[in-house]
Amino acid sequence: MKRAPRTLKLGRPTLRLRVTFGVMAFVLSLFAGRLVLLQGVDPDSYAQAASRENTKPFPLYASRGAIVDRNGVPFSVSEDAVAITADPTQTGPVATQLAGILAPKVSGTTYDKLVTAMTGKGRYVRLARQVAPQTWNEIQAAMKQRNADINEQNKAKPQDQKAPLLAGLYTEDDPVRSHPNGTIAANVVGVVGGDGKGLSGLEYGLNDKLSGQDGKAMYEVDTKGNKIPNANHTVEEPKPGVGVQLTLDADLQWFAEKRIQQAVEQYHASSGTVVTLDVPSGEILAMANYPSFDPNKKVTSPSQLKNPALERTYEPGSVQKVVTMAALADAGLIDLNTKLRVPGSIEVQRRTIKDHWDHGSLNLTIAGVVAKSSNVGTIMAAQQMRIPQFVKYLHDFGFGAPTGLNYPGESKGLMPPGDEWTELTRSNVAFGQGLSANAVQMAAAVNAVANGGVYVPPKLVRNYVDANGTTTPNQTAPPRRVVSEKAAKEVATMMEAVTAKKGTAPQAAIDGYLVAGKTGTAQEVDSACGCYRKWATSFAGFAPADNPRFVTYVVLHDPRGARGGGFQGGPVFRDVMSYALQKYVVPPTGAKQPDVPTTW
């Protein structure tokens, strides 16, 4: 028997409709839930996320504060410049042509680097920094001319064969640091790096104040990254940096730099420094170093950026006798009537110490000890004072401690702890060996004697000036009395004998003015051998001696040939001090050189 043929049964329509409706209802419920989440639960966060997708930040650089001298003469200022940026999605097709225009006009990059940057991924790349506005105008002009040529060539071509126009370069404000007066005070002011931050000197030490705070702007952009006109945007304005007014006098600083350069070259020294202080205020009018550098040019060595006046320490030599005599006079152990029988040498703890010249027994007054710069006589006088008392006086005069200038890299010098001193240490320190100091420390110590026994902390920053022109004085530590006025006057009188015809530095005398001074010649340690085989010659003084206005300190490191603080440092002191007295119209007091006996 034949089997009946099999037939295909059709699905039930009701079931199919129910399944289809169920699937559609499920999908619609997902859309509904998402809609409720977007519009009802957290609409703001999703709106912000969408906004972020279509916005682009643009940095707004803060202008860096200027550094000027006491009269407003600029040492370091910020000038307008731009950073050139690119959008690789636009520059990619024409990168080689753009690189050909940019490479000869911008520094710090090459043709190949430019091509690589402009054909890379992303929508933003920085090509060059701190480009002068004039250079950017030249680049724009070259692009405009090239596009005019491309348009001309495209006229005869079909649409699909036309060459693309040069596009995709943009700029951002990127100020550049400039030094209008070149080398003047370069070691003091310092320089700024390519990132706009201070690298050395005050630019580094005061970077937080000078640099201000950058801002930013958020703009809505189109698919090509361009700002949409009249679209929503937010701007966080930058906060300009604070300007700094120094105590330096640019004219005196320039003269001091030129004069110390002459001395360094004349005596074939390795370096030299001059510091001039205003006596009553402690303000530093000049802090000159040689060698120096031009901050507008590329620095070839990090050592050029140092400020030896504060960062280099050395044993001060006989200038230290000013402090020793002031301490002894204040303690009542010496006065102008003190007489000493000074032998040619003295033995301290089995060490023989001599004067810088050979002599037999001399009958010297204490003024004669200073005028002749006798190491032996100074030791004899210092042996009367107990070591702890002597150490306290030295601390009061600022030795072994920072000057308070808060200058980056400043060295506080080296002074042996008081509980470790021997008789030999006291003897060496009394005439300027066995401790070290920087030039500003020495100038400030001598300034205390010139200021009637009152130590005034040196001051380099005079005022801070904000963007609105509001001036805030820089606060320093208060003055302190270190010796009596009587003791300071007695030491000043001793120092006046130094610049007399029979003293050790008649070269430092200034016509019409009474000058007090002290020479110094000290051994220096050579780092190559760790031994004494170099020298530092120096001269410190103040004028007018009977009513002091300025202190000037001069030091020459490692001069060759004959050496002496009087004939090497004295003339530099005389010239710099004369310049300061004339510029600030300090009249001669008319006082004559006192007749102070140096022998008995």
Protein backbone atom coordinates (compact mmCIF):
# COMPACT_ATOMS: atom_id res chain seq x y z
CA MET A 1 0.00 0.00 0.00
CA LYS A 2 1.26 3.46 -0.76
CA ARG A 3 2.12 5.88 2.16
CA ALA A 4 0.30 9.19 2.18
CA PRO A 5 2.51 12.21 1.14
CA ARG A 6 3.94 14.37 4.03
CA THR A 7 2.67 17.96 4.13
CA LEU A 8 4.28 21.12 5.67
CA LYS A 9 2.27 22.52 8.52
CA LEU A 10 2.09 26.28 8.74
CA GLY A 11 2.89 27.92 12.15
CA ARG A 12 0.13 29.31 14.15
CA PRO A 13 -0.30 33.08 13.40
CA THR A 14 -1.29 33.88 16.95
CA LEU A 15 1.97 32.52 18.35
CA ARG A 16 4.11 34.40 15.82
CA LEU A 17 2.36 37.67 16.63
CA ARG A 18 2.88 37.15 20.34
CA VAL A 19 6.63 36.44 19.96
CA THR A 20 7.14 39.44 17.66
CA PHE A 21 5.26 41.73 20.02
CA GLY A 22 7.31 40.48 22.97
CA VAL A 23 10.63 41.17 21.22
CA MET A 24 9.51 44.65 20.16
CA ALA A 25 8.27 45.42 23.66
CA PHE A 26 11.63 44.37 25.14
CA VAL A 27 13.61 46.57 22.71
CA LEU A 28 11.32 49.52 23.31
CA SER A 29 11.68 49.08 27.06
CA LEU A 30 15.47 49.34 26.69
CA PHE A 31 15.13 52.61 24.77
CA ALA A 32 12.65 53.89 27.32
CA GLY A 33 14.95 53.01 30.22
CA ARG A 34 17.90 54.71 28.53
CA LEU A 35 15.77 57.79 27.87
CA VAL A 36 14.71 57.96 31.51
CA LEU A 37 18.38 57.63 32.56
CA LEU A 38 19.52 60.40 30.23
CA GLN A 39 16.73 62.88 30.88
CA GLY A 40 15.58 62.08 34.37
CA VAL A 41 18.25 60.44 36.49
CA ASP A 42 21.58 62.17 35.56
CA PRO A 43 21.05 64.52 32.61
CA ASP A 44 23.84 66.97 33.60
CA SER A 45 26.71 64.48 33.60
CA TYR A 46 25.77 63.17 30.17
CA ALA A 47 25.44 66.69 28.81
CA GLN A 48 28.86 67.52 30.19
CA ALA A 49 30.33 64.37 28.67
CA ALA A 50 28.89 65.31 25.29
CA SER A 51 30.25 68.82 25.69
CA ARG A 52 33.72 67.50 26.51
CA GLU A 53 33.70 65.47 23.33
CA ASN A 54 33.19 68.66 21.34
CA THR A 55 35.40 71.07 23.29
CA LYS A 56 39.10 71.77 23.17
CA PRO A 57 41.34 73.46 25.77
CA PHE A 58 43.52 76.39 24.76
CA PRO A 59 46.25 77.37 27.30
CA LEU A 60 46.51 81.01 28.40
CA TYR A 61 50.05 81.68 29.57
CA ALA A 62 50.60 84.05 32.48
CA SER A 63 53.01 86.92 31.87
CA ARG A 64 56.18 86.60 33.95
CA GLY A 65 57.02 89.45 36.31
CA ALA A 66 59.89 91.77 35.40
CA ILE A 67 63.12 92.14 37.40
CA VAL A 68 64.31 95.74 37.56
CA ASP A 69 66.92 97.78 39.45
CA ARG A 70 66.19 100.29 42.22
CA ASN A 71 65.32 102.96 39.62
CA GLY A 72 63.19 100.77 37.37
CA VAL A 73 65.92 99.94 34.83
CA PRO A 74 65.02 96.47 33.44
CA PHE A 75 67.32 93.51 34.00
CA SER A 76 64.91 90.77 32.87
CA VAL A 77 61.53 91.21 31.15
CA SER A 78 59.07 89.14 29.12
CA GLU A 79 58.51 90.04 25.47
CA ASP A 80 55.68 88.91 23.18
CA ALA A 81 56.29 85.68 21.30
CA VAL A 82 54.22 82.73 20.06
CA ALA A 83 54.33 78.96 20.02
CA ILE A 84 53.53 77.47 16.59
CA THR A 85 51.18 74.48 16.72
CA ALA A 86 49.73 72.19 14.06
CA ASP A 87 46.68 70.00 13.44
CA PRO A 88 48.12 66.92 11.67
CA THR A 89 44.74 66.12 10.09
CA GLN A 90 45.12 69.35 8.12
CA THR A 91 48.91 69.58 7.75
CA GLY A 92 49.48 65.95 6.73
CA PRO A 93 48.92 66.38 2.97
CA VAL A 94 51.13 69.48 2.81
CA ALA A 95 53.66 68.70 5.57
CA THR A 96 56.73 68.79 3.32
CA GLN A 97 55.86 72.21 1.95
CA LEU A 98 55.12 73.64 5.41
CA ALA A 99 58.34 72.19 6.80
CA GLY A 100 60.24 73.84 3.97
CA ILE A 101 58.89 77.22 5.07
CA LEU A 102 59.29 76.66 8.82
CA ALA A 103 62.70 74.99 9.08
CA PRO A 104 64.83 78.01 8.05
CA LYS A 105 62.92 80.37 10.34
CA VAL A 106 62.52 78.53 13.65
CA SER A 107 65.18 77.12 15.98
CA GLY A 108 65.34 73.97 18.07
CA THR A 109 64.04 71.64 15.36
CA THR A 110 64.80 70.29 11.87
CA TYR A 111 63.01 69.74 8.58
CA ASP A 112 62.64 66.01 9.22
CA LYS A 113 61.27 66.52 12.75
CA LEU A 114 58.73 69.02 11.45
CA VAL A 115 57.52 66.64 8.74
CA THR A 116 57.20 63.80 11.26
CA ALA A 117 55.23 65.98 13.69
CA MET A 118 52.85 67.31 11.02
CA THR A 119 52.05 63.85 9.66
CA GLY A 120 51.50 62.16 12.99
CA LYS A 121 48.35 61.15 14.81
CA GLY A 122 46.10 63.38 16.87
CA ARG A 123 44.76 66.87 16.38
CA TYR A 124 47.40 68.92 18.17
CA VAL A 125 51.20 69.11 18.15
CA ARG A 126 53.57 71.91 19.13
CA LEU A 127 56.20 72.63 16.48
CA ALA A 128 58.21 75.56 17.87
CA ARG A 129 58.29 77.75 20.97
CA GLN A 130 58.99 81.42 21.65
CA VAL A 131 58.90 82.51 18.02
CA ALA A 132 59.13 86.26 17.50
CA PRO A 133 55.94 87.88 16.12
CA GLN A 134 57.93 89.20 13.17
CA THR A 135 59.06 85.66 12.30
CA TRP A 136 55.47 84.37 12.48
CA ASN A 137 54.38 87.19 10.15
CA GLU A 138 57.07 86.14 7.69
CA ILE A 139 55.85 82.52 7.88
CA GLN A 140 52.26 83.62 7.24
CA ALA A 141 53.37 85.75 4.30
CA ALA A 142 55.27 82.81 2.79
CA MET A 143 52.21 80.55 3.20
CA LYS A 144 49.95 83.16 1.62
CA GLN A 145 52.27 83.50 -1.38
CA ARG A 146 52.53 79.73 -1.77
CA ASN A 147 48.73 79.36 -1.63
CA ALA A 148 48.35 82.05 -4.29
CA ASP A 149 50.69 80.02 -6.54
CA ILE A 150 48.72 76.83 -5.82
CA ASN A 151 45.41 78.52 -6.65
CA GLU A 152 46.85 79.71 -9.93
CA GLN A 153 48.07 76.20 -10.81
CA ASN A 154 44.72 74.67 -9.82
CA LYS A 155 42.68 76.79 -12.23
CA ALA A 156 43.32 74.53 -15.19
CA LYS A 157 42.95 71.24 -13.30
CA PRO A 158 39.87 69.08 -12.69
CA GLN A 159 38.46 69.18 -9.17
CA ASP A 160 39.86 65.78 -8.21
CA GLN A 161 43.39 66.76 -9.31
CA LYS A 162 43.70 70.10 -7.56
CA ALA A 163 46.59 70.42 -5.07
CA PRO A 164 45.61 71.10 -1.44
CA LEU A 165 46.28 74.53 0.07
CA LEU A 166 48.70 75.03 2.96
CA ALA A 167 46.71 75.04 6.20
CA GLY A 168 46.66 73.71 9.75
CA LEU A 169 49.21 75.96 11.51
CA TYR A 170 48.13 77.92 14.58
CA THR A 171 49.74 79.98 17.34
CA GLU A 172 49.52 80.39 21.10
CA ASP A 173 50.94 83.16 23.26
CA ASP A 174 54.37 82.05 24.49
CA PRO A 175 56.35 85.02 25.92
CA VAL A 176 60.15 84.95 25.74
CA ARG A 177 62.47 86.21 28.49
CA SER A 178 64.73 89.05 27.42
CA HIS A 179 67.62 90.87 29.11
CA PRO A 180 67.72 94.40 27.69
CA ASN A 181 71.01 95.26 29.42
CA GLY A 182 72.86 92.11 28.47
CA THR A 183 75.54 91.00 30.91
CA ILE A 184 74.72 93.55 33.63
CA ALA A 185 73.86 91.63 36.82
CA ALA A 186 73.51 88.40 34.80
CA ASN A 187 75.01 86.23 37.56
CA VAL A 188 72.62 87.78 40.10
CA VAL A 189 69.40 87.75 38.05
CA GLY A 190 69.94 84.38 36.36
CA VAL A 191 68.10 82.91 33.37
CA VAL A 192 64.86 81.15 32.42
CA GLY A 193 64.73 77.77 30.66
CA GLY A 194 62.81 76.80 27.55
CA ASP A 195 59.88 75.71 29.71
CA GLY A 196 59.48 79.24 31.06
CA LYS A 197 60.78 78.38 34.53
CA GLY A 198 63.83 79.88 36.26
CA LEU A 199 67.08 77.97 35.93
CA SER A 200 69.43 80.03 38.10
CA GLY A 201 69.78 83.14 40.24
CA LEU A 202 66.75 85.13 41.26
CA GLU A 203 64.81 83.78 38.28
CA TYR A 204 65.05 80.39 39.99
CA GLY A 205 64.82 81.49 43.62
CA LEU A 206 61.75 83.69 43.04
CA ASN A 207 60.17 81.55 40.32
CA ASP A 208 56.90 81.04 42.20
CA LYS A 209 56.37 84.80 42.50
CA LEU A 210 57.61 85.71 39.02
CA SER A 211 55.84 83.04 37.00
CA GLY A 212 52.25 83.72 38.06
CA GLN A 213 49.54 81.14 37.27
CA ASP A 214 48.54 80.01 33.78
CA GLY A 215 44.89 80.02 32.76
CA LYS A 216 42.95 78.16 30.07
CA ALA A 217 40.04 78.61 27.71
CA MET A 218 37.61 75.82 26.70
CA TYR A 219 36.00 76.31 23.26
CA GLU A 220 33.53 74.21 21.30
CA VAL A 221 35.15 73.04 18.09
CA ASP A 222 33.97 71.53 14.84
CA THR A 223 35.04 68.18 13.41
CA LYS A 224 38.24 69.78 12.15
CA GLY A 225 39.18 71.16 15.56
CA ASN A 226 38.40 74.80 14.72
CA LYS A 227 36.67 77.11 17.19
CA ILE A 228 32.94 77.53 16.51
CA PRO A 229 32.08 81.26 16.44
CA ASN A 230 29.59 82.39 19.11
CA ALA A 231 29.54 78.89 20.63
CA ASN A 232 29.65 78.31 24.36
CA HIS A 233 33.09 78.69 25.93
CA THR A 234 34.66 79.18 29.35
CA VAL A 235 37.77 81.17 30.19
CA GLU A 236 39.95 80.90 33.28
CA GLU A 237 42.05 84.06 33.14
CA PRO A 238 45.79 83.74 33.88
CA LYS A 239 47.22 85.51 36.92
CA PRO A 240 50.27 87.62 35.98
CA GLY A 241 53.50 87.10 37.89
CA VAL A 242 54.77 89.56 40.48
CA GLY A 243 57.51 91.99 39.48
CA VAL A 244 60.68 92.31 41.55
CA GLN A 245 62.55 95.54 42.23
CA LEU A 246 66.11 94.99 43.38
CA THR A 247 68.36 97.21 45.48
CA LEU A 248 71.02 97.15 42.74
CA ASP A 249 71.91 100.32 40.89
CA ALA A 250 72.32 99.39 37.20
CA ASP A 251 74.85 102.19 36.56
CA LEU A 252 77.04 101.31 39.53
CA GLN A 253 76.65 97.60 38.75
CA TRP A 254 77.85 98.19 35.19
CA PHE A 255 80.84 100.23 36.35
CA ALA A 256 81.80 97.68 39.02
CA GLU A 257 81.62 94.85 36.48
CA LYS A 258 83.86 96.68 34.03
CA ARG A 259 86.36 97.62 36.75
CA ILE A 260 86.68 94.13 38.21
CA GLN A 261 87.07 92.75 34.67
CA GLN A 262 90.02 95.10 34.15
CA ALA A 263 91.64 93.96 37.39
CA VAL A 264 91.15 90.26 36.67
CA GLU A 265 92.74 90.67 33.25
CA GLN A 266 95.52 92.93 34.52
CA TYR A 267 96.63 90.52 37.26
CA HIS A 268 95.74 87.33 35.35
CA ALA A 269 93.40 86.25 38.13
CA SER A 270 90.92 83.42 37.69
CA SER A 271 87.98 85.57 38.83
CA GLY A 272 86.99 88.61 40.86
CA THR A 273 84.07 90.10 42.79
CA VAL A 274 82.99 93.56 43.96
CA VAL A 275 80.21 94.21 46.48
CA THR A 276 78.98 97.69 47.45
CA LEU A 277 76.53 98.26 50.32
CA ASP A 278 74.57 101.28 51.45
CA VAL A 279 75.74 101.56 55.07
CA PRO A 280 72.57 102.49 57.02
CA SER A 281 70.14 100.23 55.10
CA GLY A 282 72.38 97.30 54.15
CA GLU A 283 71.02 97.48 50.59
CA ILE A 284 73.34 95.95 48.00
CA LEU A 285 74.01 98.54 45.31
CA ALA A 286 76.45 96.42 43.31
CA MET A 287 77.23 92.69 43.24
CA ALA A 288 79.63 92.36 40.32
CA ASN A 289 81.43 89.21 39.17
CA TYR A 290 83.89 88.44 36.42
CA PRO A 291 83.86 86.26 34.38
CA SER A 292 80.18 86.68 33.59
CA PHE A 293 77.93 85.70 30.67
CA ASP A 294 75.35 87.10 28.25
CA PRO A 295 71.90 85.75 29.24
CA ASN A 296 70.56 86.55 25.76
CA LYS A 297 72.86 83.89 24.30
CA LYS A 298 73.09 80.15 24.82
CA VAL A 299 74.96 79.24 27.98
CA THR A 300 77.82 76.85 27.23
CA SER A 301 78.53 75.69 30.79
CA PRO A 302 76.39 75.41 33.96
CA SER A 303 79.24 76.96 35.96
CA GLN A 304 78.62 80.25 34.13
CA LEU A 305 75.26 80.55 35.85
CA LYS A 306 76.71 80.71 39.37
CA ASN A 307 76.95 83.88 41.44
CA PRO A 308 80.41 83.73 43.09
CA ALA A 309 79.62 86.69 45.36
CA LEU A 310 77.28 84.40 47.31
CA GLU A 311 78.09 80.87 46.17
CA ARG A 312 81.90 80.88 46.46
CA THR A 313 83.56 80.80 49.87
CA TYR A 314 87.22 81.32 50.74
CA GLU A 315 89.41 82.24 53.68
CA PRO A 316 89.20 86.04 53.90
CA GLY A 317 92.69 86.81 55.16
CA SER A 318 93.57 90.04 56.92
CA VAL A 319 90.24 91.79 56.24
CA GLN A 320 89.06 89.54 59.06
CA LYS A 321 91.24 91.60 61.45
CA VAL A 322 88.56 94.31 61.29
CA VAL A 323 86.15 91.95 63.05
CA THR A 324 88.80 90.69 65.48
CA MET A 325 89.75 94.21 66.57
CA ALA A 326 86.10 95.24 66.89
CA ALA A 327 85.43 92.30 69.21
CA LEU A 328 88.51 93.03 71.32
CA ALA A 329 87.67 96.74 71.55
CA ASP A 330 84.07 96.02 72.54
CA ALA A 331 85.26 93.65 75.27
CA GLY A 332 87.53 96.38 76.60
CA LEU A 333 90.71 94.40 75.90
CA ILE A 334 92.25 96.99 73.52
CA ASP A 335 91.91 100.66 72.68
CA LEU A 336 93.81 103.23 70.65
CA ASN A 337 96.40 103.48 73.43
CA THR A 338 97.24 99.77 73.39
CA LYS A 339 100.94 99.13 72.78
CA LEU A 340 102.50 95.81 71.80
CA ARG A 341 106.07 94.65 71.39
CA VAL A 342 105.69 92.50 68.28
CA PRO A 343 108.36 89.92 67.44
CA GLY A 344 109.01 88.65 63.93
CA SER A 345 107.17 85.40 64.64
CA ILE A 346 105.11 83.68 67.31
CA GLU A 347 104.77 80.02 68.25
CA VAL A 348 101.32 78.58 68.92
CA GLN A 349 101.02 74.90 69.79
CA ARG A 350 104.38 74.15 68.20
CA ARG A 351 103.44 76.00 65.02
CA THR A 352 105.41 79.09 63.99
CA ILE A 353 103.38 81.93 62.52
CA LYS A 354 105.08 84.90 60.83
CA ASP A 355 104.12 88.22 59.33
CA HIS A 356 104.04 88.76 55.59
CA TRP A 357 107.36 90.60 55.84
CA ASP A 358 110.51 89.78 57.77
CA HIS A 359 111.26 91.96 60.76
CA GLY A 360 112.72 91.91 64.22
CA SER A 361 110.95 93.08 67.33
CA LEU A 362 108.70 96.10 66.64
CA ASN A 363 107.01 98.52 69.01
CA LEU A 364 103.55 98.84 67.45
CA THR A 365 100.38 100.46 68.68
CA ILE A 366 97.19 98.55 68.00
CA ALA A 367 96.60 100.97 65.11
CA GLY A 368 100.06 100.06 63.86
CA VAL A 369 99.15 96.37 64.00
CA VAL A 370 96.19 97.07 61.72
CA ALA A 371 98.05 99.53 59.48
CA LYS A 372 100.95 97.10 59.00
CA SER A 373 98.57 94.10 58.90
CA SER A 374 100.65 92.19 61.43
CA ASN A 375 99.49 88.62 61.98
CA VAL A 376 101.73 88.26 65.02
CA GLY A 377 100.40 91.43 66.67
CA THR A 378 96.81 90.36 65.98
CA ILE A 379 97.39 86.96 67.59
CA MET A 380 98.97 88.59 70.65
CA ALA A 381 95.91 90.82 71.07
CA ALA A 382 93.41 87.99 70.41
CA GLN A 383 95.00 85.72 73.02
CA GLN A 384 93.47 87.96 75.68
CA MET A 385 89.91 86.86 74.78
CA ARG A 386 88.42 83.52 75.78
CA ILE A 387 87.56 81.28 72.84
CA PRO A 388 83.78 81.00 73.56
CA GLN A 389 83.51 84.78 73.75
CA PHE A 390 85.41 85.19 70.48
CA VAL A 391 83.16 82.61 68.78
CA LYS A 392 80.04 84.47 69.92
CA TYR A 393 81.30 87.74 68.42
CA LEU A 394 81.95 86.00 65.10
CA HIS A 395 78.42 84.58 65.04
CA ASP A 396 77.04 88.04 65.83
CA PHE A 397 78.92 89.40 62.81
CA GLY A 398 77.18 86.83 60.60
CA PHE A 399 79.88 84.21 60.08
CA GLY A 400 78.85 80.57 59.72
CA ALA A 401 75.25 81.50 58.88
CA PRO A 402 73.32 82.47 55.71
CA THR A 403 73.08 86.18 54.96
CA GLY A 404 69.28 86.09 54.99
CA LEU A 405 69.01 86.90 51.27
CA ASN A 406 67.49 83.46 50.61
CA TYR A 407 69.52 83.30 47.43
CA PRO A 408 69.57 79.86 45.73
CA GLY A 409 72.92 78.14 46.06
CA GLU A 410 74.24 80.56 48.67
CA SER A 411 76.98 79.11 50.85
CA LYS A 412 76.99 80.06 54.52
CA GLY A 413 80.72 79.54 54.78
CA LEU A 414 82.53 77.36 57.26
CA MET A 415 83.41 78.13 60.85
CA PRO A 416 84.67 75.42 63.23
CA PRO A 417 82.26 74.68 66.10
CA GLY A 418 83.23 76.65 69.17
CA ASP A 419 83.69 73.58 71.36
CA GLU A 420 86.34 72.23 69.00
CA TRP A 421 88.61 75.26 68.84
CA THR A 422 92.21 75.02 69.87
CA GLU A 423 94.60 77.85 70.60
CA LEU A 424 95.95 77.43 67.08
CA THR A 425 92.43 77.68 65.60
CA ARG A 426 91.78 80.93 67.47
CA SER A 427 95.11 82.34 66.32
CA ASN A 428 94.46 81.46 62.67
CA VAL A 429 90.89 82.75 62.68
CA ALA A 430 91.99 86.01 64.30
CA PHE A 431 93.97 86.97 61.16
CA GLY A 432 91.60 85.39 58.61
CA GLN A 433 92.64 81.78 58.09
CA GLY A 434 90.82 78.69 59.35
CA LEU A 435 87.30 79.93 58.50
CA SER A 436 85.60 80.69 55.21
CA ALA A 437 83.00 83.20 54.07
CA ASN A 438 81.49 84.57 50.90
CA ALA A 439 82.00 88.12 49.64
CA VAL A 440 78.61 89.42 50.82
CA GLN A 441 79.21 88.05 54.33
CA MET A 442 82.53 89.90 54.51
CA ALA A 443 81.03 93.12 53.19
CA ALA A 444 78.17 92.92 55.72
CA ALA A 445 80.63 92.34 58.60
CA VAL A 446 82.69 95.40 57.66
CA ASN A 447 79.44 97.33 57.20
CA ALA A 448 78.60 96.70 60.87
CA VAL A 449 81.75 98.60 61.89
CA ALA A 450 80.96 101.40 59.44
CA ASN A 451 77.41 101.55 60.85
CA GLY A 452 78.52 102.34 64.37
CA GLY A 453 78.55 98.74 65.57
CA VAL A 454 75.06 97.80 64.30
CA TYR A 455 74.82 94.80 61.97
CA VAL A 456 72.23 95.34 59.24
CA PRO A 457 71.30 92.16 57.31
CA PRO A 458 72.16 92.71 53.64
CA LYS A 459 69.24 93.29 51.31
CA LEU A 460 68.97 92.47 47.60
CA VAL A 461 65.20 92.56 46.92
CA ARG A 462 63.72 95.96 47.67
CA ASN A 463 60.05 95.60 46.66
CA TYR A 464 57.53 93.28 45.06
CA VAL A 465 55.18 94.89 42.52
CA ASP A 466 51.96 93.14 41.45
CA ALA A 467 50.12 93.52 38.13
CA ASN A 468 48.08 96.43 39.51
CA GLY A 469 51.21 98.37 40.45
CA THR A 470 50.79 97.77 44.19
CA THR A 471 54.17 97.77 45.89
CA THR A 472 54.97 95.50 48.83
CA PRO A 473 58.31 96.14 50.60
CA ASN A 474 60.51 93.10 51.13
CA GLN A 475 60.88 92.43 54.83
CA THR A 476 64.27 91.46 56.25
CA ALA A 477 65.52 90.57 59.70
CA PRO A 478 65.90 93.54 62.07
CA PRO A 479 69.30 95.15 62.68
CA ARG A 480 71.23 94.07 65.76
CA ARG A 481 74.01 95.68 67.73
CA VAL A 482 77.17 93.60 67.70
CA VAL A 483 79.69 96.01 69.25
CA SER A 484 79.46 99.40 70.91
CA GLU A 485 79.57 102.63 68.94
CA LYS A 486 82.81 103.51 70.76
CA ALA A 487 84.45 100.24 69.71
CA ALA A 488 83.34 100.68 66.09
CA LYS A 489 84.73 104.21 66.00
CA GLU A 490 88.07 103.08 67.40
CA VAL A 491 88.39 100.38 64.74
CA ALA A 492 87.40 102.86 62.01
CA THR A 493 90.23 105.12 63.21
CA MET A 494 92.67 102.19 63.01
CA MET A 495 91.47 101.51 59.46
CA GLU A 496 92.05 105.12 58.45
CA ALA A 497 95.75 104.53 59.01
CA VAL A 498 95.68 101.79 56.35
CA THR A 499 95.01 104.26 53.51
CA ALA A 500 97.55 106.78 54.81
CA LYS A 501 100.86 107.20 53.02
CA LYS A 502 102.63 104.87 55.43
CA GLY A 503 99.81 102.29 55.46
CA THR A 504 99.47 99.13 53.38
CA ALA A 505 97.00 100.63 50.88
CA PRO A 506 97.66 104.27 49.98
CA GLN A 507 96.33 103.28 46.51
CA ALA A 508 92.83 103.20 48.02
CA ALA A 509 92.83 106.83 49.11
CA ILE A 510 90.30 109.18 47.48
CA ASP A 511 91.11 112.87 47.09
CA GLY A 512 88.99 115.02 49.38
CA TYR A 513 87.55 112.09 51.35
CA LEU A 514 88.60 110.37 54.53
CA VAL A 515 88.77 106.64 53.75
CA ALA A 516 88.92 103.68 56.14
CA GLY A 517 90.11 100.37 54.76
CA LYS A 518 91.79 97.04 55.29
CA THR A 519 93.83 94.84 53.00
CA GLY A 520 93.71 91.06 52.81
CA THR A 521 95.97 88.37 51.36
CA ALA A 522 94.99 84.79 52.13
CA GLN A 523 95.99 81.34 50.98
CA GLU A 524 93.35 79.36 49.11
CA VAL A 525 92.95 75.62 48.88
CA ASP A 526 93.47 74.16 45.42
CA SER A 527 90.82 71.48 44.91
CA ALA A 528 93.17 69.60 42.60
CA CYS A 529 95.53 68.71 45.43
CA GLY A 530 93.58 69.67 48.56
CA CYS A 531 96.49 71.86 49.57
CA TYR A 532 97.31 75.56 49.94
CA ARG A 533 98.86 76.78 46.70
CA LYS A 534 96.51 79.53 45.54
CA TRP A 535 95.86 83.03 46.86
CA ALA A 536 93.04 85.52 47.28
CA THR A 537 93.81 89.23 47.59
CA SER A 538 91.19 91.64 48.85
CA PHE A 539 90.39 95.11 50.10
CA ALA A 540 87.44 96.34 52.16
CA GLY A 541 86.69 99.90 53.17
CA PHE A 542 84.14 102.64 53.66
CA ALA A 543 83.82 106.35 52.99
CA PRO A 544 83.52 109.01 54.15
CA ALA A 545 85.20 107.40 57.15
CA ASP A 546 83.88 109.97 59.62
CA ASN A 547 80.29 109.69 58.30
CA PRO A 548 80.13 106.41 56.34
CA ARG A 549 77.73 106.14 53.41
CA PHE A 550 79.05 103.17 51.40
CA VAL A 551 81.07 100.02 52.01
CA THR A 552 82.90 98.40 49.11
CA TYR A 553 84.62 95.02 49.21
CA VAL A 554 86.89 93.72 46.45
CA VAL A 555 88.37 90.22 46.10
CA LEU A 556 90.59 88.74 43.38
CA HIS A 557 91.04 84.97 43.23
CA ASP A 558 94.39 83.46 42.28
CA PRO A 559 96.16 86.52 40.82
CA ARG A 560 99.52 85.70 39.25
CA GLY A 561 102.88 87.22 40.03
CA ALA A 562 103.30 89.68 42.87
CA ARG A 563 100.18 89.91 45.00
CA GLY A 564 98.76 92.19 47.65
CA GLY A 565 95.34 93.46 48.65
CA GLY A 566 96.60 97.04 48.70
CA PHE A 567 97.98 97.47 45.19
CA GLN A 568 95.58 94.98 43.53
CA GLY A 569 92.27 95.52 45.32
CA GLY A 570 92.89 99.08 46.51
CA PRO A 571 92.61 100.80 43.09
CA VAL A 572 89.39 98.89 42.28
CA PHE A 573 87.94 100.00 45.62
CA ARG A 574 88.98 103.59 44.96
CA ASP A 575 87.37 103.74 41.52
CA VAL A 576 84.11 102.00 42.46
CA MET A 577 83.76 103.99 45.69
CA SER A 578 84.49 107.27 43.86
CA TYR A 579 81.79 106.45 41.30
CA ALA A 580 79.25 105.77 44.05
CA LEU A 581 80.12 108.94 45.99
CA GLN A 582 79.80 111.09 42.88
CA LYS A 583 76.58 109.51 41.61
CA TYR A 584 74.83 109.89 44.96
CA VAL A 585 76.31 113.37 45.47
CA VAL A 586 78.00 112.60 48.78
CA PRO A 587 80.08 115.68 49.60
CA PRO A 588 83.49 115.46 51.28
CA THR A 589 83.22 116.09 55.01
CA GLY A 590 86.41 118.12 55.04
CA ALA A 591 87.92 115.91 57.75
CA LYS A 592 91.65 115.40 57.64
CA GLN A 593 93.60 112.20 58.13
CA PRO A 594 93.95 111.77 61.89
CA ASP A 595 97.46 111.64 63.29
CA VAL A 596 97.25 108.22 64.88
CA PRO A 597 100.63 106.88 66.05
CA THR A 598 101.46 103.44 64.71
CA THR A 599 104.64 102.93 66.72
CA TRP A 600 105.85 103.85 70.19
